[in-house]
Amino acid sequence: MNLRTRVLLLGGIIGALLGVGVAYLYLRSAPIQVDESGKEHLPAIPPGEALRVGLGVLTAIRQIVGLGHPAGK
């Protein structure tokens, strides 16, 4: 297995584990609502909060990509 394949595989595994961890934490913190028919629903996320989280994720990705570049450039 070459280096590129190993890095992509490791990144995919880490990303999946992080995604499951974040979903677990969100489910623990969000109040679950039950409607009249007994279906469970999560509350809607306000657009401003979703935008803030999305920008935070993009910032983190940009910092990770920057790890591969020399510090002076």
PDB file of N, CA and C in Angstrom:
ATOM      1  N   MET A   1       0.860  -1.178   0.000  1.00  0.00           N
ATOM      2  CA  MET A   1       0.000   0.000   0.000  1.00  0.00           C
ATOM      3  C   MET A   1       0.900   1.232   0.000  1.00  0.00           C
ATOM      4  N   ASN A   2       0.650   2.154  -0.949  1.00  0.00           N
ATOM      5  CA  ASN A   2       1.526   3.316  -1.026  1.00  0.00           C
ATOM      6  C   ASN A   2       1.108   4.397  -0.018  1.00  0.00           C
ATOM      7  N   LEU A   3       1.924   5.418   0.088  1.00  0.00           N
ATOM      8  CA  LEU A   3       1.731   6.471   1.085  1.00  0.00           C
ATOM      9  C   LEU A   3       0.403   7.202   0.893  1.00  0.00           C
ATOM     10  N   ARG A   4       0.068   7.538  -0.336  1.00  0.00           N
ATOM     11  CA  ARG A   4      -1.169   8.276  -0.615  1.00  0.00           C
ATOM     12  C   ARG A   4      -2.389   7.483  -0.144  1.00  0.00           C
ATOM     13  N   THR A   5      -2.415   6.202  -0.411  1.00  0.00           N
ATOM     14  CA  THR A   5      -3.538   5.354   0.004  1.00  0.00           C
ATOM     15  C   THR A   5      -3.632   5.277   1.518  1.00  0.00           C
ATOM     16  N   ARG A   6      -2.497   5.125   2.189  1.00  0.00           N
ATOM     17  CA  ARG A   6      -2.503   5.053   3.657  1.00  0.00           C
ATOM     18  C   ARG A   6      -3.000   6.352   4.280  1.00  0.00           C
ATOM     19  N   VAL A   7      -2.543   7.496   3.742  1.00  0.00           N
ATOM     20  CA  VAL A   7      -2.966   8.789   4.282  1.00  0.00           C
ATOM     21  C   VAL A   7      -4.464   8.990   4.069  1.00  0.00           C
ATOM     22  N   LEU A   8      -4.977   8.666   2.875  1.00  0.00           N
ATOM     23  CA  LEU A   8      -6.407   8.817   2.604  1.00  0.00           C
ATOM     24  C   LEU A   8      -7.240   7.890   3.483  1.00  0.00           C
ATOM     25  N   LEU A   9      -6.786   6.672   3.674  1.00  0.00           N
ATOM     26  CA  LEU A   9      -7.502   5.719   4.518  1.00  0.00           C
ATOM     27  C   LEU A   9      -7.520   6.191   5.970  1.00  0.00           C
ATOM     28  N   LEU A  10      -6.383   6.630   6.471  1.00  0.00           N
ATOM     29  CA  LEU A  10      -6.313   7.126   7.843  1.00  0.00           C
ATOM     30  C   LEU A  10      -7.172   8.380   8.021  1.00  0.00           C
ATOM     31  N   GLY A  11      -7.136   9.294   7.050  1.00  0.00           N
ATOM     32  CA  GLY A  11      -7.967  10.492   7.115  1.00  0.00           C
ATOM     33  C   GLY A  11      -9.449  10.156   7.104  1.00  0.00           C
ATOM     34  N   GLY A  12      -9.846   9.176   6.309  1.00  0.00           N
ATOM     35  CA  GLY A  12     -11.243   8.760   6.267  1.00  0.00           C
ATOM     36  C   GLY A  12     -11.706   8.160   7.578  1.00  0.00           C
ATOM     37  N   ILE A  13     -10.851   7.344   8.188  1.00  0.00           N
ATOM     38  CA  ILE A  13     -11.197   6.729   9.474  1.00  0.00           C
ATOM     39  C   ILE A  13     -11.304   7.794  10.563  1.00  0.00           C
ATOM     40  N   ILE A  14     -10.339   8.708  10.604  1.00  0.00           N
ATOM     41  CA  ILE A  14     -10.367   9.769  11.612  1.00  0.00           C
ATOM     42  C   ILE A  14     -11.596  10.660  11.404  1.00  0.00           C
ATOM     43  N   GLY A  15     -11.906  10.999  10.154  1.00  0.00           N
ATOM     44  CA  GLY A  15     -13.074  11.820   9.865  1.00  0.00           C
ATOM     45  C   GLY A  15     -14.374  11.142  10.284  1.00  0.00           C
ATOM     46  N   ALA A  16     -14.469   9.838  10.034  1.00  0.00           N
ATOM     47  CA  ALA A  16     -15.676   9.105  10.424  1.00  0.00           C
ATOM     48  C   ALA A  16     -15.821   9.063  11.944  1.00  0.00           C
ATOM     49  N   LEU A  17     -14.724   8.820  12.646  1.00  0.00           N
ATOM     50  CA  LEU A  17     -14.775   8.782  14.110  1.00  0.00           C
ATOM     51  C   LEU A  17     -15.136  10.153  14.685  1.00  0.00           C
ATOM     52  N   LEU A  18     -14.568  11.201  14.124  1.00  0.00           N
ATOM     53  CA  LEU A  18     -14.908  12.550  14.585  1.00  0.00           C
ATOM     54  C   LEU A  18     -16.380  12.859  14.320  1.00  0.00           C
ATOM     55  N   GLY A  19     -16.875  12.464  13.159  1.00  0.00           N
ATOM     56  CA  GLY A  19     -18.277  12.700  12.827  1.00  0.00           C
ATOM     57  C   GLY A  19     -19.220  11.989  13.779  1.00  0.00           C
ATOM     58  N   VAL A  20     -18.917  10.741  14.098  1.00  0.00           N
ATOM     59  CA  VAL A  20     -19.756   9.993  15.041  1.00  0.00           C
ATOM     60  C   VAL A  20     -19.678  10.623  16.426  1.00  0.00           C
ATOM     61  N   GLY A  21     -18.497  11.060  16.830  1.00  0.00           N
ATOM     62  CA  GLY A  21     -18.344  11.701  18.134  1.00  0.00           C
ATOM     63  C   GLY A  21     -19.121  12.998  18.235  1.00  0.00           C
ATOM     64  N   VAL A  22     -19.073  13.811  17.188  1.00  0.00           N
ATOM     65  CA  VAL A  22     -19.807  15.076  17.192  1.00  0.00           C
ATOM     66  C   VAL A  22     -21.316  14.814  17.198  1.00  0.00           C
ATOM     67  N   ALA A  23     -21.772  13.835  16.416  1.00  0.00           N
ATOM     68  CA  ALA A  23     -23.202  13.502  16.402  1.00  0.00           C
ATOM     69  C   ALA A  23     -23.661  13.023  17.780  1.00  0.00           C
ATOM     70  N   TYR A  24     -22.833  12.231  18.447  1.00  0.00           N
ATOM     71  CA  TYR A  24     -23.164  11.746  19.789  1.00  0.00           C
ATOM     72  C   TYR A  24     -23.288  12.920  20.771  1.00  0.00           C
ATOM     73  N   LEU A  25     -22.332  13.839  20.717  1.00  0.00           N
ATOM     74  CA  LEU A  25     -22.377  14.996  21.611  1.00  0.00           C
ATOM     75  C   LEU A  25     -23.580  15.882  21.306  1.00  0.00           C
ATOM     76  N   TYR A  26     -23.918  16.034  20.028  1.00  0.00           N
ATOM     77  CA  TYR A  26     -25.092  16.835  19.674  1.00  0.00           C
ATOM     78  C   TYR A  26     -26.366  16.179  20.204  1.00  0.00           C
ATOM     79  N   LEU A  27     -26.483  14.879  20.061  1.00  0.00           N
ATOM     80  CA  LEU A  27     -27.671  14.182  20.562  1.00  0.00           C
ATOM     81  C   LEU A  27     -27.791  14.275  22.076  1.00  0.00           C
ATOM     82  N   ARG A  28     -26.664  14.295  22.768  1.00  0.00           N
ATOM     83  CA  ARG A  28     -26.698  14.425  24.230  1.00  0.00           C
ATOM     84  C   ARG A  28     -27.125  15.810  24.668  1.00  0.00           C
ATOM     85  N   SER A  29     -26.812  16.833  23.870  1.00  0.00           N
ATOM     86  CA  SER A  29     -27.087  18.204  24.294  1.00  0.00           C
ATOM     87  C   SER A  29     -28.415  18.742  23.763  1.00  0.00           C
ATOM     88  N   ALA A  30     -28.919  18.204  22.662  1.00  0.00           N
ATOM     89  CA  ALA A  30     -30.148  18.736  22.058  1.00  0.00           C
ATOM     90  C   ALA A  30     -31.374  18.063  22.673  1.00  0.00           C
ATOM     91  N   PRO A  31     -32.393  18.855  23.012  1.00  0.00           N
ATOM     92  CA  PRO A  31     -33.626  18.259  23.534  1.00  0.00           C
ATOM     93  C   PRO A  31     -34.398  17.578  22.404  1.00  0.00           C
ATOM     94  N   ILE A  32     -34.756  16.331  22.603  1.00  0.00           N
ATOM     95  CA  ILE A  32     -35.508  15.577  21.599  1.00  0.00           C
ATOM     96  C   ILE A  32     -36.992  15.824  21.831  1.00  0.00           C
ATOM     97  N   GLN A  33     -37.685  16.240  20.774  1.00  0.00           N
ATOM     98  CA  GLN A  33     -39.107  16.537  20.854  1.00  0.00           C
ATOM     99  C   GLN A  33     -39.893  15.369  20.268  1.00  0.00           C
ATOM    100  N   VAL A  34     -41.025  15.055  20.897  1.00  0.00           N
ATOM    101  CA  VAL A  34     -41.891  13.977  20.431  1.00  0.00           C
ATOM    102  C   VAL A  34     -43.222  14.590  20.015  1.00  0.00           C
ATOM    103  N   ASP A  35     -43.668  14.271  18.771  1.00  0.00           N
ATOM    104  CA  ASP A  35     -44.940  14.823  18.316  1.00  0.00           C
ATOM    105  C   ASP A  35     -46.104  13.913  18.725  1.00  0.00           C
ATOM    106  N   GLU A  36     -47.298  14.244  18.242  1.00  0.00           N
ATOM    107  CA  GLU A  36     -48.505  13.516  18.643  1.00  0.00           C
ATOM    108  C   GLU A  36     -48.482  12.052  18.232  1.00  0.00           C
ATOM    109  N   SER A  37     -47.836  11.761  17.100  1.00  0.00           N
ATOM    110  CA  SER A  37     -47.812  10.377  16.616  1.00  0.00           C
ATOM    111  C   SER A  37     -46.687   9.554  17.244  1.00  0.00           C
ATOM    112  N   GLY A  38     -45.872  10.167  18.096  1.00  0.00           N
ATOM    113  CA  GLY A  38     -44.800   9.451  18.772  1.00  0.00           C
ATOM    114  C   GLY A  38     -43.456   9.517  18.063  1.00  0.00           C
ATOM    115  N   LYS A  39     -43.365  10.277  16.966  1.00  0.00           N
ATOM    116  CA  LYS A  39     -42.094  10.420  16.248  1.00  0.00           C
ATOM    117  C   LYS A  39     -41.190  11.402  16.974  1.00  0.00           C
ATOM    118  N   GLU A  40     -39.922  11.073  17.015  1.00  0.00           N
ATOM    119  CA  GLU A  40     -38.931  11.948  17.651  1.00  0.00           C
ATOM    120  C   GLU A  40     -38.368  12.919  16.623  1.00  0.00           C
ATOM    121  N   HIS A  41     -38.151  14.167  17.045  1.00  0.00           N
ATOM    122  CA  HIS A  41     -37.594  15.208  16.191  1.00  0.00           C
ATOM    123  C   HIS A  41     -36.561  15.997  16.981  1.00  0.00           C
ATOM    124  N   LEU A  42     -35.515  16.407  16.279  1.00  0.00           N
ATOM    125  CA  LEU A  42     -34.549  17.322  16.865  1.00  0.00           C
ATOM    126  C   LEU A  42     -34.983  18.745  16.540  1.00  0.00           C
ATOM    127  N   PRO A  43     -34.683  19.696  17.406  1.00  0.00           N
ATOM    128  CA  PRO A  43     -35.051  21.084  17.109  1.00  0.00           C
ATOM    129  C   PRO A  43     -34.260  21.601  15.907  1.00  0.00           C
ATOM    130  N   ALA A  44     -34.850  22.551  15.186  1.00  0.00           N
ATOM    131  CA  ALA A  44     -34.175  23.149  14.034  1.00  0.00           C
ATOM    132  C   ALA A  44     -32.984  23.982  14.512  1.00  0.00           C
ATOM    133  N   ILE A  45     -31.912  23.925  13.741  1.00  0.00           N
ATOM    134  CA  ILE A  45     -30.724  24.714  14.058  1.00  0.00           C
ATOM    135  C   ILE A  45     -30.892  26.086  13.404  1.00  0.00           C
ATOM    136  N   PRO A  46     -30.733  27.163  14.167  1.00  0.00           N
ATOM    137  CA  PRO A  46     -30.874  28.502  13.574  1.00  0.00           C
ATOM    138  C   PRO A  46     -29.818  28.725  12.485  1.00  0.00           C
ATOM    139  N   PRO A  47     -30.178  29.400  11.398  1.00  0.00           N
ATOM    140  CA  PRO A  47     -29.225  29.607  10.294  1.00  0.00           C
ATOM    141  C   PRO A  47     -27.934  30.301  10.730  1.00  0.00           C
ATOM    142  N   GLY A  48     -28.025  31.245  11.635  1.00  0.00           N
ATOM    143  CA  GLY A  48     -26.819  31.932  12.101  1.00  0.00           C
ATOM    144  C   GLY A  48     -25.865  30.986  12.808  1.00  0.00           C
ATOM    145  N   GLU A  49     -26.415  30.083  13.592  1.00  0.00           N
ATOM    146  CA  GLU A  49     -25.583  29.097  14.301  1.00  0.00           C
ATOM    147  C   GLU A  49     -24.957  28.126  13.311  1.00  0.00           C
ATOM    148  N   ALA A  50     -25.725  27.696  12.315  1.00  0.00           N
ATOM    149  CA  ALA A  50     -25.197  26.783  11.300  1.00  0.00           C
ATOM    150  C   ALA A  50     -24.068  27.452  10.513  1.00  0.00           C
ATOM    151  N   LEU A  51     -24.243  28.736  10.190  1.00  0.00           N
ATOM    152  CA  LEU A  51     -23.205  29.471   9.474  1.00  0.00           C
ATOM    153  C   LEU A  51     -21.940  29.602  10.316  1.00  0.00           C
ATOM    154  N   ARG A  52     -22.106  29.886  11.599  1.00  0.00           N
ATOM    155  CA  ARG A  52     -20.954  30.021  12.496  1.00  0.00           C
ATOM    156  C   ARG A  52     -20.181  28.711  12.595  1.00  0.00           C
ATOM    157  N   VAL A  53     -20.895  27.610  12.731  1.00  0.00           N
ATOM    158  CA  VAL A  53     -20.245  26.296  12.822  1.00  0.00           C
ATOM    159  C   VAL A  53     -19.570  25.947  11.501  1.00  0.00           C
ATOM    160  N   GLY A  54     -20.249  26.220  10.392  1.00  0.00           N
ATOM    161  CA  GLY A  54     -19.665  25.932   9.078  1.00  0.00           C
ATOM    162  C   GLY A  54     -18.380  26.700   8.842  1.00  0.00           C
ATOM    163  N   LEU A  55     -18.366  27.975   9.207  1.00  0.00           N
ATOM    164  CA  LEU A  55     -17.147  28.771   9.053  1.00  0.00           C
ATOM    165  C   LEU A  55     -16.038  28.269   9.969  1.00  0.00           C
ATOM    166  N   GLY A  56     -16.402  27.805  11.148  1.00  0.00           N
ATOM    167  CA  GLY A  56     -15.399  27.237  12.048  1.00  0.00           C
ATOM    168  C   GLY A  56     -14.775  25.969  11.474  1.00  0.00           C
ATOM    169  N   VAL A  57     -15.602  25.143  10.857  1.00  0.00           N
ATOM    170  CA  VAL A  57     -15.088  23.916  10.232  1.00  0.00           C
ATOM    171  C   VAL A  57     -14.174  24.263   9.059  1.00  0.00           C
ATOM    172  N   LEU A  58     -14.583  25.234   8.240  1.00  0.00           N
ATOM    173  CA  LEU A  58     -13.740  25.641   7.116  1.00  0.00           C
ATOM    174  C   LEU A  58     -12.409  26.222   7.594  1.00  0.00           C
ATOM    175  N   THR A  59     -12.425  26.965   8.682  1.00  0.00           N
ATOM    176  CA  THR A  59     -11.188  27.506   9.248  1.00  0.00           C
ATOM    177  C   THR A  59     -10.271  26.383   9.716  1.00  0.00           C
ATOM    178  N   ALA A  60     -10.851  25.380  10.373  1.00  0.00           N
ATOM    179  CA  ALA A  60     -10.050  24.248  10.836  1.00  0.00           C
ATOM    180  C   ALA A  60      -9.448  23.493   9.648  1.00  0.00           C
ATOM    181  N   ILE A  61     -10.217  23.299   8.584  1.00  0.00           N
ATOM    182  CA  ILE A  61      -9.707  22.607   7.398  1.00  0.00           C
ATOM    183  C   ILE A  61      -8.574  23.413   6.773  1.00  0.00           C
ATOM    184  N   ARG A  62      -8.746  24.730   6.708  1.00  0.00           N
ATOM    185  CA  ARG A  62      -7.698  25.573   6.134  1.00  0.00           C
ATOM    186  C   ARG A  62      -6.406  25.474   6.950  1.00  0.00           C
ATOM    187  N   GLN A  63      -6.524  25.414   8.273  1.00  0.00           N
ATOM    188  CA  GLN A  63      -5.340  25.282   9.112  1.00  0.00           C
ATOM    189  C   GLN A  63      -4.671  23.928   8.915  1.00  0.00           C
ATOM    190  N   ILE A  64      -5.468  22.882   8.739  1.00  0.00           N
ATOM    191  CA  ILE A  64      -4.899  21.550   8.509  1.00  0.00           C
ATOM    192  C   ILE A  64      -4.165  21.518   7.176  1.00  0.00           C
ATOM    193  N   VAL A  65      -4.760  22.111   6.144  1.00  0.00           N
ATOM    194  CA  VAL A  65      -4.107  22.160   4.835  1.00  0.00           C
ATOM    195  C   VAL A  65      -2.803  22.945   4.928  1.00  0.00           C
ATOM    196  N   GLY A  66      -2.779  23.989   5.750  1.00  0.00           N
ATOM    197  CA  GLY A  66      -1.579  24.794   5.921  1.00  0.00           C
ATOM    198  C   GLY A  66      -0.437  24.076   6.606  1.00  0.00           C
ATOM    199  N   LEU A  67      -0.720  22.935   7.249  1.00  0.00           N
ATOM    200  CA  LEU A  67       0.347  22.184   7.917  1.00  0.00           C
ATOM    201  C   LEU A  67       1.363  21.644   6.915  1.00  0.00           C
ATOM    202  N   GLY A  68       0.948  21.444   5.673  1.00  0.00           N
ATOM    203  CA  GLY A  68       1.845  20.889   4.675  1.00  0.00           C
ATOM    204  C   GLY A  68       2.731  21.914   4.002  1.00  0.00           C
ATOM    205  N   HIS A  69       2.583  23.184   4.350  1.00  0.00           N
ATOM    206  CA  HIS A  69       3.374  24.246   3.720  1.00  0.00           C
ATOM    207  C   HIS A  69       4.420  24.759   4.707  1.00  0.00           C
ATOM    208  N   PRO A  70       5.555  25.181   4.194  1.00  0.00           N
ATOM    209  CA  PRO A  70       6.571  25.770   5.081  1.00  0.00           C
ATOM    210  C   PRO A  70       6.041  27.001   5.792  1.00  0.00           C
ATOM    211  N   ALA A  71       6.569  27.284   6.975  1.00  0.00           N
ATOM    212  CA  ALA A  71       6.058  28.370   7.823  1.00  0.00           C
ATOM    213  C   ALA A  71       6.294  29.739   7.203  1.00  0.00           C
ATOM    214  N   GLY A  72       7.348  29.933   6.431  1.00  0.00           N
ATOM    215  CA  GLY A  72       7.693  31.248   5.905  1.00  0.00           C
ATOM    216  C   GLY A  72       6.899  31.645   4.667  1.00  0.00           C
ATOM    217  N   LYS A  73       6.096  30.774   4.108  1.00  0.00           N
ATOM    218  CA  LYS A  73       5.423  31.097   2.847  1.00  0.00           C
ATOM    219  C   LYS A  73       3.968  31.328   3.023  1.00  0.00           C
TER     220      LYS A  73
END
